[in-house]
Amino acid sequence: MIFYHYLGVINFVLVKINSMKTNDIFNLLHNAIESKFFGKKISQREMAERLGVSMRTYQDWRLGNSNPQAAIAIFKMLSELEDEEVLRITKRIRLRLKEDLDE
């Protein structure tokens, strides 16, 4: 059941990516991460720390003052994949990131 919920969210995000501005995508993802923690607010400073960027950089991304080209490319690449492929890829990325943190 949760699997299908995530597929629905991923599909919605991917359909919207090509018509969305980058800052809209960052805001959507920020809100999705907050939802994962049952609505607990995550400050921009905390999210920036999680991403390894300055708070100012993260604020600029969310406000649309800066559009990181790598993020745009990643979003566009993900939009080319089917839902199941996106889920598989993001799980692999998450596992690799966890492994890197454990080292």
C-alpha atoms as a PDB file:
ATOM      1  CA  MET A   1       0.000   0.000   0.000  1.00  0.00           C
ATOM      2  CA  ILE A   2       2.754   2.479   0.944  1.00  0.00           C
ATOM      3  CA  PHE A   3       4.666   1.423  -2.180  1.00  0.00           C
ATOM      4  CA  TYR A   4       1.764   2.495  -4.395  1.00  0.00           C
ATOM      5  CA  HIS A   5       1.419   5.747  -2.473  1.00  0.00           C
ATOM      6  CA  TYR A   6       5.070   6.562  -3.188  1.00  0.00           C
ATOM      7  CA  LEU A   7       4.638   5.616  -6.848  1.00  0.00           C
ATOM      8  CA  GLY A   8       1.714   8.015  -7.039  1.00  0.00           C
ATOM      9  CA  VAL A   9       3.747  10.816  -5.452  1.00  0.00           C
ATOM     10  CA  ILE A  10       6.698  10.108  -7.738  1.00  0.00           C
ATOM     11  CA  ASN A  11       4.457  10.060 -10.790  1.00  0.00           C
ATOM     12  CA  PHE A  12       2.876  13.366  -9.789  1.00  0.00           C
ATOM     13  CA  VAL A  13       6.293  14.943  -9.253  1.00  0.00           C
ATOM     14  CA  LEU A  14       7.678  13.659 -12.543  1.00  0.00           C
ATOM     15  CA  VAL A  15       4.688  14.824 -14.549  1.00  0.00           C
ATOM     16  CA  LYS A  16       5.032  18.293 -13.051  1.00  0.00           C
ATOM     17  CA  ILE A  17       8.834  18.553 -13.349  1.00  0.00           C
ATOM     18  CA  ASN A  18       8.915  19.638 -16.970  1.00  0.00           C
ATOM     19  CA  SER A  19       6.454  22.465 -16.329  1.00  0.00           C
ATOM     20  CA  MET A  20       7.743  23.502 -12.902  1.00  0.00           C
ATOM     21  CA  LYS A  21      10.403  25.953 -11.927  1.00  0.00           C
ATOM     22  CA  THR A  22      13.359  24.541 -10.021  1.00  0.00           C
ATOM     23  CA  ASN A  23      12.434  26.408  -6.832  1.00  0.00           C
ATOM     24  CA  ASP A  24       8.954  24.842  -6.947  1.00  0.00           C
ATOM     25  CA  ILE A  25      10.576  21.411  -7.046  1.00  0.00           C
ATOM     26  CA  PHE A  26      12.819  22.220  -4.072  1.00  0.00           C
ATOM     27  CA  ASN A  27       9.793  23.471  -2.122  1.00  0.00           C
ATOM     28  CA  LEU A  28       7.786  20.368  -3.048  1.00  0.00           C
ATOM     29  CA  LEU A  29      10.620  18.095  -1.920  1.00  0.00           C
ATOM     30  CA  HIS A  30      11.167  20.069   1.296  1.00  0.00           C
ATOM     31  CA  ASN A  31       7.471  19.727   2.138  1.00  0.00           C
ATOM     32  CA  ALA A  32       7.512  16.007   1.280  1.00  0.00           C
ATOM     33  CA  ILE A  33      10.416  15.455   3.672  1.00  0.00           C
ATOM     34  CA  GLU A  34       8.556  17.340   6.393  1.00  0.00           C
ATOM     35  CA  SER A  35       5.505  15.133   5.756  1.00  0.00           C
ATOM     36  CA  LYS A  36       7.677  12.074   6.206  1.00  0.00           C
ATOM     37  CA  PHE A  37       8.270  13.278   9.765  1.00  0.00           C
ATOM     38  CA  PHE A  38       4.544  13.775  10.389  1.00  0.00           C
ATOM     39  CA  GLY A  39       4.578  17.501   9.679  1.00  0.00           C
ATOM     40  CA  LYS A  40       7.524  18.342  11.935  1.00  0.00           C
ATOM     41  CA  LYS A  41       8.943  21.534  10.493  1.00  0.00           C
ATOM     42  CA  ILE A  42      12.475  21.328   9.171  1.00  0.00           C
ATOM     43  CA  SER A  43      14.270  24.646   9.095  1.00  0.00           C
ATOM     44  CA  GLN A  44      16.082  25.823   6.017  1.00  0.00           C
ATOM     45  CA  ARG A  45      19.287  25.771   8.060  1.00  0.00           C
ATOM     46  CA  GLU A  46      18.753  22.112   9.002  1.00  0.00           C
ATOM     47  CA  MET A  47      17.948  21.126   5.415  1.00  0.00           C
ATOM     48  CA  ALA A  48      20.980  23.005   4.139  1.00  0.00           C
ATOM     49  CA  GLU A  49      23.164  21.133   6.645  1.00  0.00           C
ATOM     50  CA  ARG A  50      21.681  17.811   5.503  1.00  0.00           C
ATOM     51  CA  LEU A  51      22.497  18.729   1.896  1.00  0.00           C
ATOM     52  CA  GLY A  52      25.963  20.047   2.684  1.00  0.00           C
ATOM     53  CA  VAL A  53      25.322  23.570   1.410  1.00  0.00           C
ATOM     54  CA  SER A  54      25.113  26.948   3.083  1.00  0.00           C
ATOM     55  CA  MET A  55      21.774  28.154   4.347  1.00  0.00           C
ATOM     56  CA  ARG A  56      21.980  31.106   1.932  1.00  0.00           C
ATOM     57  CA  THR A  57      22.465  28.745  -1.018  1.00  0.00           C
ATOM     58  CA  TYR A  58      19.475  26.650   0.040  1.00  0.00           C
ATOM     59  CA  GLN A  59      17.352  29.775   0.531  1.00  0.00           C
ATOM     60  CA  ASP A  60      18.298  30.960  -2.949  1.00  0.00           C
ATOM     61  CA  TRP A  61      17.255  27.594  -4.392  1.00  0.00           C
ATOM     62  CA  ARG A  62      13.872  27.739  -2.637  1.00  0.00           C
ATOM     63  CA  LEU A  63      13.250  31.350  -3.637  1.00  0.00           C
ATOM     64  CA  GLY A  64      14.317  30.802  -7.233  1.00  0.00           C
ATOM     65  CA  ASN A  65      17.211  33.254  -6.990  1.00  0.00           C
ATOM     66  CA  SER A  66      19.583  30.494  -8.054  1.00  0.00           C
ATOM     67  CA  ASN A  67      18.991  27.459 -10.249  1.00  0.00           C
ATOM     68  CA  PRO A  68      21.602  24.752  -9.708  1.00  0.00           C
ATOM     69  CA  GLN A  69      22.235  23.293 -13.148  1.00  0.00           C
ATOM     70  CA  ALA A  70      23.036  19.821 -11.804  1.00  0.00           C
ATOM     71  CA  ALA A  71      19.677  19.644 -10.031  1.00  0.00           C
ATOM     72  CA  ILE A  72      17.847  20.691 -13.179  1.00  0.00           C
ATOM     73  CA  ALA A  73      19.649  17.987 -15.147  1.00  0.00           C
ATOM     74  CA  ILE A  74      18.850  15.345 -12.505  1.00  0.00           C
ATOM     75  CA  PHE A  75      15.166  16.301 -12.437  1.00  0.00           C
ATOM     76  CA  LYS A  76      14.967  16.125 -16.218  1.00  0.00           C
ATOM     77  CA  MET A  77      16.731  12.753 -16.291  1.00  0.00           C
ATOM     78  CA  LEU A  78      14.338  11.350 -13.683  1.00  0.00           C
ATOM     79  CA  SER A  79      11.382  12.576 -15.705  1.00  0.00           C
ATOM     80  CA  GLU A  80      12.524  10.327 -18.574  1.00  0.00           C
ATOM     81  CA  LEU A  81      12.123   7.180 -16.441  1.00  0.00           C
ATOM     82  CA  GLU A  82       9.088   5.110 -15.507  1.00  0.00           C
ATOM     83  CA  ASP A  83       7.850   5.267 -11.896  1.00  0.00           C
ATOM     84  CA  GLU A  84       9.307   1.912 -10.904  1.00  0.00           C
ATOM     85  CA  GLU A  85      12.711   2.858 -12.327  1.00  0.00           C
ATOM     86  CA  VAL A  86      12.723   6.143 -10.410  1.00  0.00           C
ATOM     87  CA  LEU A  87      11.860   4.319  -7.209  1.00  0.00           C
ATOM     88  CA  ARG A  88      14.592   1.722  -7.813  1.00  0.00           C
ATOM     89  CA  ILE A  89      17.198   4.393  -8.588  1.00  0.00           C
ATOM     90  CA  THR A  90      16.313   6.566  -5.597  1.00  0.00           C
ATOM     91  CA  LYS A  91      16.497   3.541  -3.294  1.00  0.00           C
ATOM     92  CA  ARG A  92      19.964   2.739  -4.639  1.00  0.00           C
ATOM     93  CA  ILE A  93      21.050   6.342  -4.128  1.00  0.00           C
ATOM     94  CA  ARG A  94      19.686   6.328  -0.579  1.00  0.00           C
ATOM     95  CA  LEU A  95      21.547   3.088   0.232  1.00  0.00           C
ATOM     96  CA  ARG A  96      24.798   4.411  -1.207  1.00  0.00           C
ATOM     97  CA  LEU A  97      24.458   7.632   0.790  1.00  0.00           C
ATOM     98  CA  LYS A  98      23.830   5.619   3.977  1.00  0.00           C
ATOM     99  CA  GLU A  99      26.915   3.517   3.262  1.00  0.00           C
ATOM    100  CA  ASP A 100      29.013   6.647   2.758  1.00  0.00           C
ATOM    101  CA  LEU A 101      27.802   8.054   6.071  1.00  0.00           C
ATOM    102  CA  ASP A 102      28.608   4.802   7.876  1.00  0.00           C
ATOM    103  CA  GLU A 103      32.224   4.805   6.659  1.00  0.00           C
END
